[in-house]
Amino acid sequence: MDPLSIVLGGVLVGGGWLAGRFGSRPMKPGATQGPALCGCGHDLALHDREAGHCHAETFRKTGVGFKAWARCNCQRYTGPTPLEDFFAPPPLPPTS
């Protein structure tokens, strides 16, 4: 063990600690990632897995001063693919 290697190792450890301590920004309290959303703004749970239609309802203006609940016009889920479908498709229901 020569003294040069020990000093160089200490400098590398200290530099890494300083870079981690002062180089990164702390996360903001409300900056957590929410659920994956489709282009229509609804979650994957509101979309039919087989047909792809969205089952959510939105409050829309239907006429002069009238508002009513209407079905979402989304025809297919366009959000990110869930990990369980990406790695292994669901085994149920059986297709044969």
PDB file of N, CA and C in Angstrom:
ATOM      1  N   MET A   1       0.842  -1.170   0.000  1.00  0.00           N
ATOM      2  CA  MET A   1       0.000   0.000   0.000  1.00  0.00           C
ATOM      3  C   MET A   1       0.896   1.246   0.000  1.00  0.00           C
ATOM      4  N   ASP A   2       0.896   1.885  -1.103  1.00  0.00           N
ATOM      5  CA  ASP A   2       1.675   3.121  -1.159  1.00  0.00           C
ATOM      6  C   ASP A   2       0.779   4.304  -0.786  1.00  0.00           C
ATOM      7  N   PRO A   3       1.350   5.365  -0.277  1.00  0.00           N
ATOM      8  CA  PRO A   3       0.561   6.509   0.185  1.00  0.00           C
ATOM      9  C   PRO A   3      -0.170   7.227  -0.944  1.00  0.00           C
ATOM     10  N   LEU A   4       0.345   7.177  -2.159  1.00  0.00           N
ATOM     11  CA  LEU A   4      -0.299   7.844  -3.287  1.00  0.00           C
ATOM     12  C   LEU A   4      -1.658   7.210  -3.595  1.00  0.00           C
ATOM     13  N   SER A   5      -1.754   5.896  -3.555  1.00  0.00           N
ATOM     14  CA  SER A   5      -3.023   5.209  -3.812  1.00  0.00           C
ATOM     15  C   SER A   5      -4.051   5.527  -2.730  1.00  0.00           C
ATOM     16  N   ILE A   6      -3.616   5.605  -1.488  1.00  0.00           N
ATOM     17  CA  ILE A   6      -4.533   5.919  -0.395  1.00  0.00           C
ATOM     18  C   ILE A   6      -5.057   7.346  -0.537  1.00  0.00           C
ATOM     19  N   VAL A   7      -4.184   8.283  -0.853  1.00  0.00           N
ATOM     20  CA  VAL A   7      -4.611   9.677  -1.023  1.00  0.00           C
ATOM     21  C   VAL A   7      -5.543   9.804  -2.221  1.00  0.00           C
ATOM     22  N   LEU A   8      -5.206   9.146  -3.337  1.00  0.00           N
ATOM     23  CA  LEU A   8      -6.050   9.200  -4.532  1.00  0.00           C
ATOM     24  C   LEU A   8      -7.427   8.581  -4.254  1.00  0.00           C
ATOM     25  N   GLY A   9      -7.478   7.489  -3.523  1.00  0.00           N
ATOM     26  CA  GLY A   9      -8.759   6.881  -3.151  1.00  0.00           C
ATOM     27  C   GLY A   9      -9.584   7.797  -2.270  1.00  0.00           C
ATOM     28  N   GLY A  10      -8.934   8.454  -1.328  1.00  0.00           N
ATOM     29  CA  GLY A  10      -9.643   9.396  -0.460  1.00  0.00           C
ATOM     30  C   GLY A  10     -10.194  10.585  -1.226  1.00  0.00           C
ATOM     31  N   VAL A  11      -9.403  11.081  -2.197  1.00  0.00           N
ATOM     32  CA  VAL A  11      -9.875  12.195  -3.020  1.00  0.00           C
ATOM     33  C   VAL A  11     -11.081  11.774  -3.854  1.00  0.00           C
ATOM     34  N   LEU A  12     -11.045  10.571  -4.431  1.00  0.00           N
ATOM     35  CA  LEU A  12     -12.180  10.087  -5.222  1.00  0.00           C
ATOM     36  C   LEU A  12     -13.435   9.902  -4.370  1.00  0.00           C
ATOM     37  N   VAL A  13     -13.284   9.348  -3.177  1.00  0.00           N
ATOM     38  CA  VAL A  13     -14.436   9.169  -2.282  1.00  0.00           C
ATOM     39  C   VAL A  13     -14.984  10.518  -1.851  1.00  0.00           C
ATOM     40  N   GLY A  14     -14.115  11.434  -1.468  1.00  0.00           N
ATOM     41  CA  GLY A  14     -14.564  12.768  -1.053  1.00  0.00           C
ATOM     42  C   GLY A  14     -15.214  13.537  -2.193  1.00  0.00           C
ATOM     43  N   GLY A  15     -14.649  13.422  -3.406  1.00  0.00           N
ATOM     44  CA  GLY A  15     -15.252  14.092  -4.559  1.00  0.00           C
ATOM     45  C   GLY A  15     -16.628  13.520  -4.897  1.00  0.00           C
ATOM     46  N   GLY A  16     -16.769  12.206  -4.794  1.00  0.00           N
ATOM     47  CA  GLY A  16     -18.076  11.584  -5.032  1.00  0.00           C
ATOM     48  C   GLY A  16     -19.105  11.992  -4.004  1.00  0.00           C
ATOM     49  N   TRP A  17     -18.666  12.081  -2.757  1.00  0.00           N
ATOM     50  CA  TRP A  17     -19.581  12.518  -1.700  1.00  0.00           C
ATOM     51  C   TRP A  17     -20.022  13.952  -1.930  1.00  0.00           C
ATOM     52  N   LEU A  18     -19.080  14.844  -2.276  1.00  0.00           N
ATOM     53  CA  LEU A  18     -19.424  16.248  -2.534  1.00  0.00           C
ATOM     54  C   LEU A  18     -20.355  16.389  -3.736  1.00  0.00           C
ATOM     55  N   ALA A  19     -20.096  15.619  -4.785  1.00  0.00           N
ATOM     56  CA  ALA A  19     -20.962  15.685  -5.972  1.00  0.00           C
ATOM     57  C   ALA A  19     -22.373  15.204  -5.652  1.00  0.00           C
ATOM     58  N   GLY A  20     -22.482  14.166  -4.840  1.00  0.00           N
ATOM     59  CA  GLY A  20     -23.806  13.675  -4.461  1.00  0.00           C
ATOM     60  C   GLY A  20     -24.524  14.585  -3.497  1.00  0.00           C
ATOM     61  N   ARG A  21     -23.760  15.203  -2.622  1.00  0.00           N
ATOM     62  CA  ARG A  21     -24.362  16.067  -1.601  1.00  0.00           C
ATOM     63  C   ARG A  21     -24.842  17.389  -2.172  1.00  0.00           C
ATOM     64  N   PHE A  22     -24.027  18.016  -2.995  1.00  0.00           N
ATOM     65  CA  PHE A  22     -24.356  19.352  -3.487  1.00  0.00           C
ATOM     66  C   PHE A  22     -24.772  19.387  -4.952  1.00  0.00           C
ATOM     67  N   GLY A  23     -24.582  18.308  -5.675  1.00  0.00           N
ATOM     68  CA  GLY A  23     -24.903  18.303  -7.098  1.00  0.00           C
ATOM     69  C   GLY A  23     -26.338  17.932  -7.413  1.00  0.00           C
ATOM     70  N   SER A  24     -26.976  17.168  -6.564  1.00  0.00           N
ATOM     71  CA  SER A  24     -28.343  16.739  -6.858  1.00  0.00           C
ATOM     72  C   SER A  24     -29.350  17.689  -6.223  1.00  0.00           C
ATOM     73  N   ARG A  25     -30.492  17.776  -6.862  1.00  0.00           N
ATOM     74  CA  ARG A  25     -31.572  18.620  -6.326  1.00  0.00           C
ATOM     75  C   ARG A  25     -32.520  17.747  -5.511  1.00  0.00           C
ATOM     76  N   PRO A  26     -32.971  18.222  -4.385  1.00  0.00           N
ATOM     77  CA  PRO A  26     -33.929  17.428  -3.604  1.00  0.00           C
ATOM     78  C   PRO A  26     -35.287  17.384  -4.302  1.00  0.00           C
ATOM     79  N   MET A  27     -35.997  16.261  -4.135  1.00  0.00           N
ATOM     80  CA  MET A  27     -37.325  16.139  -4.721  1.00  0.00           C
ATOM     81  C   MET A  27     -38.303  17.033  -3.986  1.00  0.00           C
ATOM     82  N   LYS A  28     -39.212  17.610  -4.725  1.00  0.00           N
ATOM     83  CA  LYS A  28     -40.254  18.431  -4.118  1.00  0.00           C
ATOM     84  C   LYS A  28     -41.281  17.510  -3.468  1.00  0.00           C
ATOM     85  N   PRO A  29     -41.952  17.956  -2.413  1.00  0.00           N
ATOM     86  CA  PRO A  29     -42.881  17.075  -1.699  1.00  0.00           C
ATOM     87  C   PRO A  29     -44.022  16.541  -2.562  1.00  0.00           C
ATOM     88  N   GLY A  30     -44.530  17.299  -3.503  1.00  0.00           N
ATOM     89  CA  GLY A  30     -45.658  16.856  -4.310  1.00  0.00           C
ATOM     90  C   GLY A  30     -45.260  16.339  -5.672  1.00  0.00           C
ATOM     91  N   ALA A  31     -43.996  15.969  -5.872  1.00  0.00           N
ATOM     92  CA  ALA A  31     -43.514  15.580  -7.195  1.00  0.00           C
ATOM     93  C   ALA A  31     -43.493  14.072  -7.395  1.00  0.00           C
ATOM     94  N   THR A  32     -44.419  13.359  -6.789  1.00  0.00           N
ATOM     95  CA  THR A  32     -44.466  11.918  -7.001  1.00  0.00           C
ATOM     96  C   THR A  32     -45.168  11.619  -8.315  1.00  0.00           C
ATOM     97  N   GLN A  33     -44.804  10.518  -8.907  1.00  0.00           N
ATOM     98  CA  GLN A  33     -45.386  10.150 -10.195  1.00  0.00           C
ATOM     99  C   GLN A  33     -46.767   9.542  -9.981  1.00  0.00           C
ATOM    100  N   GLY A  34     -47.732  10.011 -10.730  1.00  0.00           N
ATOM    101  CA  GLY A  34     -49.094   9.524 -10.614  1.00  0.00           C
ATOM    102  C   GLY A  34     -49.319   8.291 -11.471  1.00  0.00           C
ATOM    103  N   PRO A  35     -50.553   7.843 -11.568  1.00  0.00           N
ATOM    104  CA  PRO A  35     -50.838   6.656 -12.375  1.00  0.00           C
ATOM    105  C   PRO A  35     -50.659   6.944 -13.862  1.00  0.00           C
ATOM    106  N   ALA A  36     -50.423   5.900 -14.623  1.00  0.00           N
ATOM    107  CA  ALA A  36     -50.282   6.037 -16.072  1.00  0.00           C
ATOM    108  C   ALA A  36     -51.644   6.383 -16.666  1.00  0.00           C
ATOM    109  N   LEU A  37     -51.684   7.447 -17.459  1.00  0.00           N
ATOM    110  CA  LEU A  37     -52.941   7.914 -18.030  1.00  0.00           C
ATOM    111  C   LEU A  37     -52.947   7.752 -19.536  1.00  0.00           C
ATOM    112  N   CYS A  38     -54.126   7.552 -20.063  1.00  0.00           N
ATOM    113  CA  CYS A  38     -54.355   7.482 -21.506  1.00  0.00           C
ATOM    114  C   CYS A  38     -54.395   8.905 -22.060  1.00  0.00           C
ATOM    115  N   GLY A  39     -54.475   9.029 -23.358  1.00  0.00           N
ATOM    116  CA  GLY A  39     -54.587  10.337 -23.982  1.00  0.00           C
ATOM    117  C   GLY A  39     -55.869  11.054 -23.603  1.00  0.00           C
ATOM    118  N   CYS A  40     -56.908  10.308 -23.226  1.00  0.00           N
ATOM    119  CA  CYS A  40     -58.175  10.913 -22.825  1.00  0.00           C
ATOM    120  C   CYS A  40     -58.120  11.416 -21.383  1.00  0.00           C
ATOM    121  N   GLY A  41     -57.060  11.061 -20.649  1.00  0.00           N
ATOM    122  CA  GLY A  41     -56.913  11.516 -19.271  1.00  0.00           C
ATOM    123  C   GLY A  41     -57.424  10.536 -18.240  1.00  0.00           C
ATOM    124  N   HIS A  42     -57.806   9.339 -18.657  1.00  0.00           N
ATOM    125  CA  HIS A  42     -58.312   8.329 -17.724  1.00  0.00           C
ATOM    126  C   HIS A  42     -57.289   7.212 -17.544  1.00  0.00           C
ATOM    127  N   ASP A  43     -57.401   6.512 -16.426  1.00  0.00           N
ATOM    128  CA  ASP A  43     -56.499   5.436 -16.058  1.00  0.00           C
ATOM    129  C   ASP A  43     -56.793   4.177 -16.878  1.00  0.00           C
ATOM    130  N   LEU A  44     -55.844   3.234 -16.895  1.00  0.00           N
ATOM    131  CA  LEU A  44     -56.019   1.963 -17.598  1.00  0.00           C
ATOM    132  C   LEU A  44     -57.178   1.161 -17.014  1.00  0.00           C
ATOM    133  N   ALA A  45     -57.467   1.336 -15.733  1.00  0.00           N
ATOM    134  CA  ALA A  45     -58.541   0.587 -15.090  1.00  0.00           C
ATOM    135  C   ALA A  45     -59.907   0.927 -15.671  1.00  0.00           C
ATOM    136  N   LEU A  46     -60.067   2.074 -16.281  1.00  0.00           N
ATOM    137  CA  LEU A  46     -61.348   2.467 -16.855  1.00  0.00           C
ATOM    138  C   LEU A  46     -61.499   2.034 -18.310  1.00  0.00           C
ATOM    139  N   HIS A  47     -60.504   1.373 -18.873  1.00  0.00           N
ATOM    140  CA  HIS A  47     -60.570   0.911 -20.259  1.00  0.00           C
ATOM    141  C   HIS A  47     -60.815  -0.590 -20.296  1.00  0.00           C
ATOM    142  N   ASP A  48     -61.631  -1.025 -21.247  1.00  0.00           N
ATOM    143  CA  ASP A  48     -61.901  -2.441 -21.446  1.00  0.00           C
ATOM    144  C   ASP A  48     -60.667  -3.081 -22.072  1.00  0.00           C
ATOM    145  N   ARG A  49     -60.189  -4.185 -21.495  1.00  0.00           N
ATOM    146  CA  ARG A  49     -58.973  -4.824 -22.010  1.00  0.00           C
ATOM    147  C   ARG A  49     -59.196  -5.456 -23.380  1.00  0.00           C
ATOM    148  N   GLU A  50     -60.373  -5.987 -23.633  1.00  0.00           N
ATOM    149  CA  GLU A  50     -60.638  -6.663 -24.911  1.00  0.00           C
ATOM    150  C   GLU A  50     -60.957  -5.665 -26.019  1.00  0.00           C
ATOM    151  N   ALA A  51     -61.980  -4.850 -25.821  1.00  0.00           N
ATOM    152  CA  ALA A  51     -62.432  -3.935 -26.876  1.00  0.00           C
ATOM    153  C   ALA A  51     -61.646  -2.625 -26.882  1.00  0.00           C
ATOM    154  N   GLY A  52     -61.137  -2.206 -25.727  1.00  0.00           N
ATOM    155  CA  GLY A  52     -60.358  -0.990 -25.643  1.00  0.00           C
ATOM    156  C   GLY A  52     -61.152   0.265 -25.352  1.00  0.00           C
ATOM    157  N   HIS A  53     -62.466   0.175 -25.315  1.00  0.00           N
ATOM    158  CA  HIS A  53     -63.297   1.356 -25.069  1.00  0.00           C
ATOM    159  C   HIS A  53     -63.135   1.854 -23.639  1.00  0.00           C
ATOM    160  N   CYS A  54     -63.282   3.150 -23.470  1.00  0.00           N
ATOM    161  CA  CYS A  54     -63.188   3.773 -22.148  1.00  0.00           C
ATOM    162  C   CYS A  54     -64.580   3.769 -21.514  1.00  0.00           C
ATOM    163  N   HIS A  55     -64.666   3.347 -20.253  1.00  0.00           N
ATOM    164  CA  HIS A  55     -65.943   3.278 -19.545  1.00  0.00           C
ATOM    165  C   HIS A  55     -66.202   4.511 -18.684  1.00  0.00           C
ATOM    166  N   ALA A  56     -65.329   5.484 -18.725  1.00  0.00           N
ATOM    167  CA  ALA A  56     -65.493   6.674 -17.890  1.00  0.00           C
ATOM    168  C   ALA A  56     -66.547   7.602 -18.480  1.00  0.00           C
ATOM    169  N   GLU A  57     -67.105   8.423 -17.628  1.00  0.00           N
ATOM    170  CA  GLU A  57     -68.080   9.423 -18.059  1.00  0.00           C
ATOM    171  C   GLU A  57     -67.538  10.803 -17.710  1.00  0.00           C
ATOM    172  N   THR A  58     -67.812  11.760 -18.572  1.00  0.00           N
ATOM    173  CA  THR A  58     -67.376  13.132 -18.348  1.00  0.00           C
ATOM    174  C   THR A  58     -68.589  14.046 -18.312  1.00  0.00           C
ATOM    175  N   PHE A  59     -68.455  15.159 -17.637  1.00  0.00           N
ATOM    176  CA  PHE A  59     -69.535  16.137 -17.504  1.00  0.00           C
ATOM    177  C   PHE A  59     -69.385  17.139 -18.641  1.00  0.00           C
ATOM    178  N   ARG A  60     -70.273  17.076 -19.634  1.00  0.00           N
ATOM    179  CA  ARG A  60     -70.152  17.908 -20.820  1.00  0.00           C
ATOM    180  C   ARG A  60     -71.338  18.836 -20.980  1.00  0.00           C
ATOM    181  N   LYS A  61     -71.072  19.916 -21.684  1.00  0.00           N
ATOM    182  CA  LYS A  61     -72.125  20.873 -22.018  1.00  0.00           C
ATOM    183  C   LYS A  61     -72.868  20.345 -23.244  1.00  0.00           C
ATOM    184  N   THR A  62     -74.198  20.175 -23.121  1.00  0.00           N
ATOM    185  CA  THR A  62     -74.982  19.598 -24.218  1.00  0.00           C
ATOM    186  C   THR A  62     -75.783  20.639 -24.981  1.00  0.00           C
ATOM    187  N   GLY A  63     -76.043  21.743 -24.418  1.00  0.00           N
ATOM    188  CA  GLY A  63     -76.837  22.777 -25.084  1.00  0.00           C
ATOM    189  C   GLY A  63     -76.638  24.109 -24.394  1.00  0.00           C
ATOM    190  N   VAL A  64     -77.574  24.982 -24.580  1.00  0.00           N
ATOM    191  CA  VAL A  64     -77.478  26.312 -23.978  1.00  0.00           C
ATOM    192  C   VAL A  64     -77.741  26.192 -22.482  1.00  0.00           C
ATOM    193  N   GLY A  65     -76.670  26.232 -21.698  1.00  0.00           N
ATOM    194  CA  GLY A  65     -76.791  26.179 -20.248  1.00  0.00           C
ATOM    195  C   GLY A  65     -77.053  24.806 -19.673  1.00  0.00           C
ATOM    196  N   PHE A  66     -77.130  23.767 -20.488  1.00  0.00           N
ATOM    197  CA  PHE A  66     -77.400  22.419 -19.996  1.00  0.00           C
ATOM    198  C   PHE A  66     -76.114  21.603 -19.976  1.00  0.00           C
ATOM    199  N   LYS A  67     -75.977  20.810 -18.930  1.00  0.00           N
ATOM    200  CA  LYS A  67     -74.826  19.911 -18.816  1.00  0.00           C
ATOM    201  C   LYS A  67     -75.345  18.534 -18.454  1.00  0.00           C
ATOM    202  N   ALA A  68     -74.654  17.509 -18.949  1.00  0.00           N
ATOM    203  CA  ALA A  68     -75.065  16.138 -18.666  1.00  0.00           C
ATOM    204  C   ALA A  68     -73.838  15.237 -18.688  1.00  0.00           C
ATOM    205  N   TRP A  69     -73.986  14.071 -18.087  1.00  0.00           N
ATOM    206  CA  TRP A  69     -72.912  13.081 -18.128  1.00  0.00           C
ATOM    207  C   TRP A  69     -72.937  12.404 -19.485  1.00  0.00           C
ATOM    208  N   ALA A  70     -71.766  12.285 -20.092  1.00  0.00           N
ATOM    209  CA  ALA A  70     -71.650  11.629 -21.393  1.00  0.00           C
ATOM    210  C   ALA A  70     -70.484  10.652 -21.342  1.00  0.00           C
ATOM    211  N   ARG A  71     -70.574   9.605 -22.137  1.00  0.00           N
ATOM    212  CA  ARG A  71     -69.518   8.603 -22.190  1.00  0.00           C
ATOM    213  C   ARG A  71     -68.276   9.183 -22.857  1.00  0.00           C
ATOM    214  N   CYS A  72     -67.100   8.769 -22.386  1.00  0.00           N
ATOM    215  CA  CYS A  72     -65.837   9.216 -22.970  1.00  0.00           C
ATOM    216  C   CYS A  72     -65.730   8.675 -24.396  1.00  0.00           C
ATOM    217  N   ASN A  73     -65.218   9.486 -25.304  1.00  0.00           N
ATOM    218  CA  ASN A  73     -65.121   9.098 -26.711  1.00  0.00           C
ATOM    219  C   ASN A  73     -63.897   8.253 -27.034  1.00  0.00           C
ATOM    220  N   CYS A  74     -63.070   7.955 -26.065  1.00  0.00           N
ATOM    221  CA  CYS A  74     -61.839   7.204 -26.303  1.00  0.00           C
ATOM    222  C   CYS A  74     -62.171   5.796 -26.792  1.00  0.00           C
ATOM    223  N   GLN A  75     -61.553   5.392 -27.897  1.00  0.00           N
ATOM    224  CA  GLN A  75     -61.822   4.081 -28.478  1.00  0.00           C
ATOM    225  C   GLN A  75     -60.746   3.044 -28.164  1.00  0.00           C
ATOM    226  N   ARG A  76     -59.576   3.506 -27.702  1.00  0.00           N
ATOM    227  CA  ARG A  76     -58.462   2.594 -27.454  1.00  0.00           C
ATOM    228  C   ARG A  76     -57.524   3.220 -26.437  1.00  0.00           C
ATOM    229  N   TYR A  77     -56.981   2.412 -25.523  1.00  0.00           N
ATOM    230  CA  TYR A  77     -56.021   2.895 -24.530  1.00  0.00           C
ATOM    231  C   TYR A  77     -54.710   3.206 -25.238  1.00  0.00           C
ATOM    232  N   THR A  78     -54.233   4.439 -25.083  1.00  0.00           N
ATOM    233  CA  THR A  78     -53.001   4.858 -25.752  1.00  0.00           C
ATOM    234  C   THR A  78     -51.881   5.171 -24.777  1.00  0.00           C
ATOM    235  N   GLY A  79     -52.055   4.857 -23.522  1.00  0.00           N
ATOM    236  CA  GLY A  79     -51.032   5.137 -22.520  1.00  0.00           C
ATOM    237  C   GLY A  79     -49.919   4.112 -22.548  1.00  0.00           C
ATOM    238  N   PRO A  80     -49.011   4.187 -21.577  1.00  0.00           N
ATOM    239  CA  PRO A  80     -47.900   3.239 -21.539  1.00  0.00           C
ATOM    240  C   PRO A  80     -48.378   1.814 -21.271  1.00  0.00           C
ATOM    241  N   THR A  81     -47.658   0.848 -21.814  1.00  0.00           N
ATOM    242  CA  THR A  81     -48.003  -0.560 -21.637  1.00  0.00           C
ATOM    243  C   THR A  81     -47.645  -0.995 -20.223  1.00  0.00           C
ATOM    244  N   PRO A  82     -48.580  -1.623 -19.511  1.00  0.00           N
ATOM    245  CA  PRO A  82     -48.274  -2.101 -18.161  1.00  0.00           C
ATOM    246  C   PRO A  82     -47.190  -3.182 -18.210  1.00  0.00           C
ATOM    247  N   LEU A  83     -46.358  -3.252 -17.172  1.00  0.00           N
ATOM    248  CA  LEU A  83     -45.257  -4.209 -17.155  1.00  0.00           C
ATOM    249  C   LEU A  83     -45.733  -5.648 -17.234  1.00  0.00           C
ATOM    250  N   GLU A  84     -46.848  -5.966 -16.586  1.00  0.00           N
ATOM    251  CA  GLU A  84     -47.319  -7.352 -16.621  1.00  0.00           C
ATOM    252  C   GLU A  84     -47.750  -7.766 -18.024  1.00  0.00           C
ATOM    253  N   ASP A  85     -48.257  -6.852 -18.831  1.00  0.00           N
ATOM    254  CA  ASP A  85     -48.607  -7.181 -20.212  1.00  0.00           C
ATOM    255  C   ASP A  85     -47.387  -7.186 -21.114  1.00  0.00           C
ATOM    256  N   PHE A  86     -46.372  -6.419 -20.757  1.00  0.00           N
ATOM    257  CA  PHE A  86     -45.164  -6.344 -21.574  1.00  0.00           C
ATOM    258  C   PHE A  86     -44.346  -7.621 -21.449  1.00  0.00           C
ATOM    259  N   PHE A  87     -44.185  -8.126 -20.226  1.00  0.00           N
ATOM    260  CA  PHE A  87     -43.355  -9.305 -20.014  1.00  0.00           C
ATOM    261  C   PHE A  87     -44.113 -10.609 -20.220  1.00  0.00           C
ATOM    262  N   ALA A  88     -45.353 -10.682 -19.777  1.00  0.00           N
ATOM    263  CA  ALA A  88     -46.128 -11.912 -19.915  1.00  0.00           C
ATOM    264  C   ALA A  88     -47.587 -11.540 -20.071  1.00  0.00           C
ATOM    265  N   PRO A  89     -48.223 -11.915 -21.189  1.00  0.00           N
ATOM    266  CA  PRO A  89     -49.648 -11.607 -21.348  1.00  0.00           C
ATOM    267  C   PRO A  89     -50.476 -12.369 -20.304  1.00  0.00           C
ATOM    268  N   PRO A  90     -51.644 -11.840 -19.968  1.00  0.00           N
ATOM    269  CA  PRO A  90     -52.468 -12.515 -18.955  1.00  0.00           C
ATOM    270  C   PRO A  90     -52.887 -13.901 -19.426  1.00  0.00           C
ATOM    271  N   PRO A  91     -52.767 -14.936 -18.569  1.00  0.00           N
ATOM    272  CA  PRO A  91     -53.077 -16.302 -18.978  1.00  0.00           C
ATOM    273  C   PRO A  91     -54.569 -16.615 -19.033  1.00  0.00           C
ATOM    274  N   LEU A  92     -55.389 -15.796 -18.386  1.00  0.00           N
ATOM    275  CA  LEU A  92     -56.827 -16.084 -18.348  1.00  0.00           C
ATOM    276  C   LEU A  92     -57.593 -15.020 -19.095  1.00  0.00           C
ATOM    277  N   PRO A  93     -58.669 -15.264 -19.681  1.00  0.00           N
ATOM    278  CA  PRO A  93     -59.361 -16.525 -19.871  1.00  0.00           C
ATOM    279  C   PRO A  93     -58.705 -17.349 -20.978  1.00  0.00           C
ATOM    280  N   PRO A  94     -58.866 -18.659 -20.931  1.00  0.00           N
ATOM    281  CA  PRO A  94     -58.243 -19.503 -21.973  1.00  0.00           C
ATOM    282  C   PRO A  94     -58.887 -19.247 -23.333  1.00  0.00           C
ATOM    283  N   THR A  95     -58.067 -19.265 -24.366  1.00  0.00           N
ATOM    284  CA  THR A  95     -58.575 -18.992 -25.716  1.00  0.00           C
ATOM    285  C   THR A  95     -58.963 -20.246 -26.459  1.00  0.00           C
ATOM    286  N   SER A  96     -58.581 -21.419 -25.967  1.00  0.00           N
ATOM    287  CA  SER A  96     -58.937 -22.659 -26.687  1.00  0.00           C
ATOM    288  C   SER A  96     -59.886 -23.518 -25.876  1.00  0.00           C
TER     289      SER A  96
END
